[in-house]
Amino acid sequence: MAEITVRPPEDRDFEAWSGLFRGYMAFYQVPENATTVATVWSWIHDPQHLMQALVAVDSEDRPVGLAHFHAMPRSLGGNTVCYLSDLFTDPERRGQGIGRRLIDTVIERCRAEGWANLRWLTQEFNYDGRRLYDSYARRSDFILYAVPVVPAGG
Protein backbone atom coordinates (compact mmCIF):
# COMPACT_ATOMS: atom_id res chain seq x y z
CA MET A 1 0.00 0.00 0.00
CA ALA A 2 1.23 3.49 -0.83
CA GLU A 3 2.26 5.74 2.05
CA ILE A 4 -0.99 7.56 2.80
CA THR A 5 -1.85 9.87 5.67
CA VAL A 6 -5.34 11.11 6.42
CA ARG A 7 -5.89 14.57 7.88
CA PRO A 8 -8.34 17.48 7.73
CA PRO A 9 -7.94 19.67 4.64
CA GLU A 10 -5.93 22.85 5.07
CA ASP A 11 -6.22 26.15 3.18
CA ARG A 12 -3.22 25.21 1.02
CA ASP A 13 -5.11 22.11 -0.18
CA PHE A 14 -7.86 24.01 -1.99
CA GLU A 15 -6.60 23.47 -5.53
CA ALA A 16 -6.00 19.73 -5.11
CA TRP A 17 -9.17 19.23 -3.04
CA SER A 18 -11.22 21.13 -5.61
CA GLY A 19 -9.82 18.95 -8.41
CA LEU A 20 -10.85 15.85 -6.49
CA PHE A 21 -14.29 17.26 -5.70
CA ARG A 22 -14.83 18.22 -9.34
CA GLY A 23 -13.80 14.66 -10.28
CA TYR A 24 -16.42 13.37 -7.86
CA MET A 25 -19.04 15.64 -9.43
CA ALA A 26 -18.08 14.40 -12.91
CA PHE A 27 -18.26 10.75 -11.80
CA TYR A 28 -21.88 11.28 -10.77
CA GLN A 29 -22.57 13.43 -13.83
CA VAL A 30 -23.29 16.54 -11.76
CA PRO A 31 -22.52 19.67 -13.78
CA GLU A 32 -19.41 21.41 -12.52
CA ASN A 33 -20.39 24.45 -10.52
CA ALA A 34 -17.89 26.88 -8.97
CA THR A 35 -20.49 28.06 -6.46
CA THR A 36 -21.05 24.53 -5.18
CA VAL A 37 -17.30 23.96 -4.87
CA ALA A 38 -16.86 27.23 -2.95
CA THR A 39 -19.84 26.47 -0.72
CA VAL A 40 -18.63 23.00 0.25
CA TRP A 41 -15.10 24.34 0.87
CA SER A 42 -16.57 26.99 3.19
CA TRP A 43 -18.67 24.38 5.02
CA ILE A 44 -15.71 22.13 5.77
CA HIS A 45 -13.75 25.08 7.18
CA ASP A 46 -16.60 26.41 9.31
CA PRO A 47 -16.41 24.86 12.80
CA GLN A 48 -20.12 25.67 13.28
CA HIS A 49 -21.20 23.71 10.19
CA LEU A 50 -22.13 20.03 10.40
CA MET A 51 -20.05 19.03 7.36
CA GLN A 52 -16.59 17.71 8.18
CA ALA A 53 -13.88 16.57 5.80
CA LEU A 54 -10.73 14.53 5.54
CA VAL A 55 -8.18 14.28 2.78
CA ALA A 56 -5.86 11.39 2.09
CA VAL A 57 -2.41 12.71 1.22
CA ASP A 58 0.55 10.98 -0.38
CA SER A 59 4.16 11.01 0.81
CA GLU A 60 4.57 14.51 -0.67
CA ASP A 61 1.49 15.75 1.26
CA ARG A 62 -0.62 16.05 -1.93
CA PRO A 63 -4.33 15.26 -1.54
CA VAL A 64 -5.25 12.10 -3.47
CA GLY A 65 -8.62 11.37 -1.91
CA LEU A 66 -11.40 13.03 0.06
CA ALA A 67 -14.20 12.18 2.44
CA HIS A 68 -17.03 14.50 3.51
CA PHE A 69 -19.25 13.40 6.40
CA HIS A 70 -21.52 14.69 9.14
CA ALA A 71 -23.46 13.69 12.22
CA MET A 72 -27.09 12.75 11.64
CA PRO A 73 -29.73 12.14 14.33
CA ARG A 74 -31.52 8.79 14.04
CA SER A 75 -34.93 8.80 15.67
CA LEU A 76 -35.43 5.01 15.61
CA GLY A 77 -32.28 4.50 17.63
CA GLY A 78 -32.51 7.65 19.70
CA ASN A 79 -28.89 8.19 18.78
CA THR A 80 -26.56 9.88 16.35
CA VAL A 81 -25.07 8.18 13.32
CA CYS A 82 -22.57 9.44 10.78
CA TYR A 83 -23.47 10.00 7.15
CA LEU A 84 -20.64 9.74 4.63
CA SER A 85 -21.74 12.22 1.96
CA ASP A 86 -18.80 11.97 -0.41
CA LEU A 87 -15.87 9.62 -0.91
CA PHE A 88 -13.54 10.00 -3.88
CA THR A 89 -10.05 8.90 -4.80
CA ASP A 90 -7.92 10.17 -7.65
CA PRO A 91 -8.68 7.66 -10.44
CA GLU A 92 -4.96 7.21 -11.14
CA ARG A 93 -4.40 6.21 -7.51
CA ARG A 94 -7.22 3.70 -7.15
CA GLY A 95 -6.44 0.23 -5.88
CA GLN A 96 -3.89 1.55 -3.37
CA GLY A 97 -6.11 1.38 -0.29
CA ILE A 98 -6.88 5.11 -0.20
CA GLY A 99 -10.67 4.74 -0.02
CA ARG A 100 -10.32 2.12 2.72
CA ARG A 101 -7.96 4.39 4.66
CA LEU A 102 -10.48 7.25 4.45
CA ILE A 103 -13.41 5.08 5.54
CA ASP A 104 -11.38 3.59 8.41
CA THR A 105 -10.48 7.09 9.59
CA VAL A 106 -14.13 8.19 9.47
CA ILE A 107 -15.00 5.08 11.51
CA GLU A 108 -12.35 6.10 14.06
CA ARG A 109 -13.99 9.54 14.22
CA CYS A 110 -17.38 7.87 14.75
CA ARG A 111 -15.99 5.94 17.70
CA ALA A 112 -14.45 9.07 19.18
CA GLU A 113 -17.73 11.00 18.80
CA GLY A 114 -19.91 8.14 20.08
CA TRP A 115 -21.83 7.89 16.80
CA ALA A 116 -23.66 4.56 16.50
CA ASN A 117 -22.73 3.72 12.92
CA LEU A 118 -21.50 4.98 9.59
CA ARG A 119 -23.81 4.93 6.59
CA TRP A 120 -23.72 6.08 2.99
CA LEU A 121 -25.38 5.73 -0.39
CA THR A 122 -23.90 4.88 -3.74
CA GLN A 123 -25.32 4.32 -7.17
CA GLU A 124 -25.91 0.86 -8.56
CA PHE A 125 -23.29 1.34 -11.29
CA ASN A 126 -20.45 2.20 -8.87
CA TYR A 127 -19.06 -1.33 -9.08
CA ASP A 128 -15.50 -0.48 -8.00
CA GLY A 129 -16.75 1.43 -4.98
CA ARG A 130 -19.23 -1.29 -4.11
CA ARG A 131 -16.47 -3.92 -3.98
CA LEU A 132 -14.86 -1.84 -1.25
CA TYR A 133 -18.16 -1.07 0.51
CA ASP A 134 -19.20 -4.73 0.48
CA SER A 135 -16.09 -5.50 2.54
CA TYR A 136 -17.54 -3.37 5.37
CA ALA A 137 -21.19 -4.39 5.45
CA ARG A 138 -24.02 -5.87 3.46
CA ARG A 139 -25.96 -3.35 1.44
CA SER A 140 -29.25 -2.32 2.95
CA ASP A 141 -32.65 -2.87 1.38
CA PHE A 142 -33.65 0.79 1.68
CA ILE A 143 -34.63 2.75 -1.41
CA LEU A 144 -33.78 6.43 -1.67
CA TYR A 145 -36.41 8.99 -2.64
CA ALA A 146 -35.26 12.53 -3.38
CA VAL A 147 -37.85 15.25 -3.87
CA PRO A 148 -36.52 18.49 -5.36
CA VAL A 149 -37.73 21.47 -3.36
CA VAL A 150 -37.63 24.97 -4.76
CA PRO A 151 -37.25 27.60 -2.01
CA ALA A 152 -40.26 29.86 -1.48
CA GLY A 153 -40.11 32.78 -3.85
CA GLY A 154 -37.53 30.92 -6.01
C-alpha atoms as a PDB file:
ATOM      1  CA  MET A   1       0.000   0.000   0.000  1.00  0.00           C
ATOM      2  CA  ALA A   2       1.229   3.490  -0.834  1.00  0.00           C
ATOM      3  CA  GLU A   3       2.261   5.741   2.046  1.00  0.00           C
ATOM      4  CA  ILE A   4      -0.992   7.557   2.795  1.00  0.00           C
ATOM      5  CA  THR A   5      -1.849   9.871   5.667  1.00  0.00           C
ATOM      6  CA  VAL A   6      -5.343  11.112   6.422  1.00  0.00           C
ATOM      7  CA  ARG A   7      -5.894  14.568   7.879  1.00  0.00           C
ATOM      8  CA  PRO A   8      -8.341  17.484   7.729  1.00  0.00           C
ATOM      9  CA  PRO A   9      -7.942  19.672   4.641  1.00  0.00           C
ATOM     10  CA  GLU A  10      -5.930  22.854   5.066  1.00  0.00           C
ATOM     11  CA  ASP A  11      -6.216  26.154   3.178  1.00  0.00           C
ATOM     12  CA  ARG A  12      -3.218  25.212   1.022  1.00  0.00           C
ATOM     13  CA  ASP A  13      -5.112  22.106  -0.176  1.00  0.00           C
ATOM     14  CA  PHE A  14      -7.859  24.013  -1.989  1.00  0.00           C
ATOM     15  CA  GLU A  15      -6.595  23.468  -5.531  1.00  0.00           C
ATOM     16  CA  ALA A  16      -6.000  19.729  -5.111  1.00  0.00           C
ATOM     17  CA  TRP A  17      -9.172  19.228  -3.043  1.00  0.00           C
ATOM     18  CA  SER A  18     -11.218  21.130  -5.609  1.00  0.00           C
ATOM     19  CA  GLY A  19      -9.815  18.952  -8.410  1.00  0.00           C
ATOM     20  CA  LEU A  20     -10.850  15.846  -6.490  1.00  0.00           C
ATOM     21  CA  PHE A  21     -14.289  17.261  -5.697  1.00  0.00           C
ATOM     22  CA  ARG A  22     -14.826  18.218  -9.337  1.00  0.00           C
ATOM     23  CA  GLY A  23     -13.804  14.660 -10.285  1.00  0.00           C
ATOM     24  CA  TYR A  24     -16.418  13.366  -7.856  1.00  0.00           C
ATOM     25  CA  MET A  25     -19.038  15.637  -9.426  1.00  0.00           C
ATOM     26  CA  ALA A  26     -18.081  14.401 -12.908  1.00  0.00           C
ATOM     27  CA  PHE A  27     -18.264  10.749 -11.803  1.00  0.00           C
ATOM     28  CA  TYR A  28     -21.885  11.278 -10.769  1.00  0.00           C
ATOM     29  CA  GLN A  29     -22.572  13.430 -13.834  1.00  0.00           C
ATOM     30  CA  VAL A  30     -23.287  16.537 -11.762  1.00  0.00           C
ATOM     31  CA  PRO A  31     -22.515  19.666 -13.775  1.00  0.00           C
ATOM     32  CA  GLU A  32     -19.407  21.411 -12.519  1.00  0.00           C
ATOM     33  CA  ASN A  33     -20.390  24.451 -10.517  1.00  0.00           C
ATOM     34  CA  ALA A  34     -17.885  26.876  -8.973  1.00  0.00           C
ATOM     35  CA  THR A  35     -20.495  28.062  -6.462  1.00  0.00           C
ATOM     36  CA  THR A  36     -21.047  24.527  -5.178  1.00  0.00           C
ATOM     37  CA  VAL A  37     -17.299  23.955  -4.874  1.00  0.00           C
ATOM     38  CA  ALA A  38     -16.864  27.228  -2.954  1.00  0.00           C
ATOM     39  CA  THR A  39     -19.843  26.472  -0.719  1.00  0.00           C
ATOM     40  CA  VAL A  40     -18.634  22.999   0.250  1.00  0.00           C
ATOM     41  CA  TRP A  41     -15.100  24.338   0.871  1.00  0.00           C
ATOM     42  CA  SER A  42     -16.573  26.988   3.192  1.00  0.00           C
ATOM     43  CA  TRP A  43     -18.669  24.383   5.020  1.00  0.00           C
ATOM     44  CA  ILE A  44     -15.709  22.134   5.770  1.00  0.00           C
ATOM     45  CA  HIS A  45     -13.754  25.075   7.181  1.00  0.00           C
ATOM     46  CA  ASP A  46     -16.601  26.410   9.314  1.00  0.00           C
ATOM     47  CA  PRO A  47     -16.410  24.859  12.795  1.00  0.00           C
ATOM     48  CA  GLN A  48     -20.118  25.666  13.277  1.00  0.00           C
ATOM     49  CA  HIS A  49     -21.197  23.708  10.188  1.00  0.00           C
ATOM     50  CA  LEU A  50     -22.129  20.026  10.400  1.00  0.00           C
ATOM     51  CA  MET A  51     -20.047  19.032   7.364  1.00  0.00           C
ATOM     52  CA  GLN A  52     -16.589  17.706   8.176  1.00  0.00           C
ATOM     53  CA  ALA A  53     -13.882  16.569   5.796  1.00  0.00           C
ATOM     54  CA  LEU A  54     -10.734  14.529   5.537  1.00  0.00           C
ATOM     55  CA  VAL A  55      -8.178  14.281   2.776  1.00  0.00           C
ATOM     56  CA  ALA A  56      -5.860  11.387   2.094  1.00  0.00           C
ATOM     57  CA  VAL A  57      -2.410  12.710   1.219  1.00  0.00           C
ATOM     58  CA  ASP A  58       0.546  10.981  -0.378  1.00  0.00           C
ATOM     59  CA  SER A  59       4.162  11.009   0.805  1.00  0.00           C
ATOM     60  CA  GLU A  60       4.565  14.508  -0.665  1.00  0.00           C
ATOM     61  CA  ASP A  61       1.493  15.755   1.263  1.00  0.00           C
ATOM     62  CA  ARG A  62      -0.617  16.049  -1.926  1.00  0.00           C
ATOM     63  CA  PRO A  63      -4.332  15.256  -1.536  1.00  0.00           C
ATOM     64  CA  VAL A  64      -5.247  12.102  -3.474  1.00  0.00           C
ATOM     65  CA  GLY A  65      -8.620  11.373  -1.911  1.00  0.00           C
ATOM     66  CA  LEU A  66     -11.398  13.034   0.060  1.00  0.00           C
ATOM     67  CA  ALA A  67     -14.200  12.185   2.436  1.00  0.00           C
ATOM     68  CA  HIS A  68     -17.027  14.505   3.508  1.00  0.00           C
ATOM     69  CA  PHE A  69     -19.246  13.402   6.397  1.00  0.00           C
ATOM     70  CA  HIS A  70     -21.519  14.693   9.141  1.00  0.00           C
ATOM     71  CA  ALA A  71     -23.461  13.686  12.216  1.00  0.00           C
ATOM     72  CA  MET A  72     -27.089  12.748  11.640  1.00  0.00           C
ATOM     73  CA  PRO A  73     -29.733  12.143  14.330  1.00  0.00           C
ATOM     74  CA  ARG A  74     -31.517   8.793  14.037  1.00  0.00           C
ATOM     75  CA  SER A  75     -34.927   8.799  15.665  1.00  0.00           C
ATOM     76  CA  LEU A  76     -35.432   5.014  15.615  1.00  0.00           C
ATOM     77  CA  GLY A  77     -32.277   4.500  17.633  1.00  0.00           C
ATOM     78  CA  GLY A  78     -32.510   7.650  19.702  1.00  0.00           C
ATOM     79  CA  ASN A  79     -28.887   8.194  18.779  1.00  0.00           C
ATOM     80  CA  THR A  80     -26.560   9.880  16.349  1.00  0.00           C
ATOM     81  CA  VAL A  81     -25.073   8.179  13.317  1.00  0.00           C
ATOM     82  CA  CYS A  82     -22.567   9.438  10.780  1.00  0.00           C
ATOM     83  CA  TYR A  83     -23.470  10.000   7.155  1.00  0.00           C
ATOM     84  CA  LEU A  84     -20.638   9.744   4.634  1.00  0.00           C
ATOM     85  CA  SER A  85     -21.735  12.221   1.964  1.00  0.00           C
ATOM     86  CA  ASP A  86     -18.799  11.974  -0.414  1.00  0.00           C
ATOM     87  CA  LEU A  87     -15.866   9.619  -0.908  1.00  0.00           C
ATOM     88  CA  PHE A  88     -13.543   9.998  -3.875  1.00  0.00           C
ATOM     89  CA  THR A  89     -10.048   8.899  -4.802  1.00  0.00           C
ATOM     90  CA  ASP A  90      -7.916  10.174  -7.654  1.00  0.00           C
ATOM     91  CA  PRO A  91      -8.682   7.658 -10.442  1.00  0.00           C
ATOM     92  CA  GLU A  92      -4.958   7.212 -11.143  1.00  0.00           C
ATOM     93  CA  ARG A  93      -4.399   6.212  -7.508  1.00  0.00           C
ATOM     94  CA  ARG A  94      -7.222   3.698  -7.153  1.00  0.00           C
ATOM     95  CA  GLY A  95      -6.440   0.232  -5.882  1.00  0.00           C
ATOM     96  CA  GLN A  96      -3.890   1.546  -3.369  1.00  0.00           C
ATOM     97  CA  GLY A  97      -6.105   1.376  -0.287  1.00  0.00           C
ATOM     98  CA  ILE A  98      -6.878   5.115  -0.197  1.00  0.00           C
ATOM     99  CA  GLY A  99     -10.670   4.740  -0.020  1.00  0.00           C
ATOM    100  CA  ARG A 100     -10.317   2.121   2.723  1.00  0.00           C
ATOM    101  CA  ARG A 101      -7.958   4.388   4.660  1.00  0.00           C
ATOM    102  CA  LEU A 102     -10.479   7.251   4.446  1.00  0.00           C
ATOM    103  CA  ILE A 103     -13.409   5.075   5.540  1.00  0.00           C
ATOM    104  CA  ASP A 104     -11.385   3.589   8.408  1.00  0.00           C
ATOM    105  CA  THR A 105     -10.475   7.094   9.591  1.00  0.00           C
ATOM    106  CA  VAL A 106     -14.126   8.192   9.473  1.00  0.00           C
ATOM    107  CA  ILE A 107     -14.997   5.077  11.511  1.00  0.00           C
ATOM    108  CA  GLU A 108     -12.350   6.100  14.063  1.00  0.00           C
ATOM    109  CA  ARG A 109     -13.990   9.543  14.220  1.00  0.00           C
ATOM    110  CA  CYS A 110     -17.382   7.871  14.750  1.00  0.00           C
ATOM    111  CA  ARG A 111     -15.995   5.935  17.700  1.00  0.00           C
ATOM    112  CA  ALA A 112     -14.447   9.072  19.184  1.00  0.00           C
ATOM    113  CA  GLU A 113     -17.729  10.995  18.803  1.00  0.00           C
ATOM    114  CA  GLY A 114     -19.907   8.139  20.082  1.00  0.00           C
ATOM    115  CA  TRP A 115     -21.835   7.889  16.799  1.00  0.00           C
ATOM    116  CA  ALA A 116     -23.660   4.563  16.504  1.00  0.00           C
ATOM    117  CA  ASN A 117     -22.730   3.715  12.921  1.00  0.00           C
ATOM    118  CA  LEU A 118     -21.499   4.978   9.589  1.00  0.00           C
ATOM    119  CA  ARG A 119     -23.810   4.928   6.588  1.00  0.00           C
ATOM    120  CA  TRP A 120     -23.716   6.079   2.994  1.00  0.00           C
ATOM    121  CA  LEU A 121     -25.379   5.731  -0.390  1.00  0.00           C
ATOM    122  CA  THR A 122     -23.896   4.883  -3.739  1.00  0.00           C
ATOM    123  CA  GLN A 123     -25.316   4.320  -7.168  1.00  0.00           C
ATOM    124  CA  GLU A 124     -25.915   0.857  -8.560  1.00  0.00           C
ATOM    125  CA  PHE A 125     -23.289   1.338 -11.294  1.00  0.00           C
ATOM    126  CA  ASN A 126     -20.454   2.196  -8.870  1.00  0.00           C
ATOM    127  CA  TYR A 127     -19.059  -1.333  -9.078  1.00  0.00           C
ATOM    128  CA  ASP A 128     -15.498  -0.476  -8.004  1.00  0.00           C
ATOM    129  CA  GLY A 129     -16.749   1.430  -4.981  1.00  0.00           C
ATOM    130  CA  ARG A 130     -19.228  -1.290  -4.113  1.00  0.00           C
ATOM    131  CA  ARG A 131     -16.471  -3.918  -3.982  1.00  0.00           C
ATOM    132  CA  LEU A 132     -14.855  -1.838  -1.248  1.00  0.00           C
ATOM    133  CA  TYR A 133     -18.163  -1.073   0.511  1.00  0.00           C
ATOM    134  CA  ASP A 134     -19.197  -4.734   0.478  1.00  0.00           C
ATOM    135  CA  SER A 135     -16.089  -5.505   2.543  1.00  0.00           C
ATOM    136  CA  TYR A 136     -17.539  -3.373   5.374  1.00  0.00           C
ATOM    137  CA  ALA A 137     -21.194  -4.389   5.452  1.00  0.00           C
ATOM    138  CA  ARG A 138     -24.023  -5.874   3.456  1.00  0.00           C
ATOM    139  CA  ARG A 139     -25.956  -3.349   1.437  1.00  0.00           C
ATOM    140  CA  SER A 140     -29.251  -2.324   2.948  1.00  0.00           C
ATOM    141  CA  ASP A 141     -32.645  -2.869   1.383  1.00  0.00           C
ATOM    142  CA  PHE A 142     -33.649   0.786   1.678  1.00  0.00           C
ATOM    143  CA  ILE A 143     -34.626   2.750  -1.411  1.00  0.00           C
ATOM    144  CA  LEU A 144     -33.782   6.434  -1.668  1.00  0.00           C
ATOM    145  CA  TYR A 145     -36.408   8.994  -2.637  1.00  0.00           C
ATOM    146  CA  ALA A 146     -35.256  12.533  -3.381  1.00  0.00           C
ATOM    147  CA  VAL A 147     -37.853  15.247  -3.871  1.00  0.00           C
ATOM    148  CA  PRO A 148     -36.521  18.490  -5.361  1.00  0.00           C
ATOM    149  CA  VAL A 149     -37.725  21.474  -3.358  1.00  0.00           C
ATOM    150  CA  VAL A 150     -37.626  24.973  -4.761  1.00  0.00           C
ATOM    151  CA  PRO A 151     -37.248  27.601  -2.014  1.00  0.00           C
ATOM    152  CA  ALA A 152     -40.258  29.858  -1.482  1.00  0.00           C
ATOM    153  CA  GLY A 153     -40.112  32.779  -3.855  1.00  0.00           C
ATOM    154  CA  GLY A 154     -37.532  30.920  -6.008  1.00  0.00           C
END
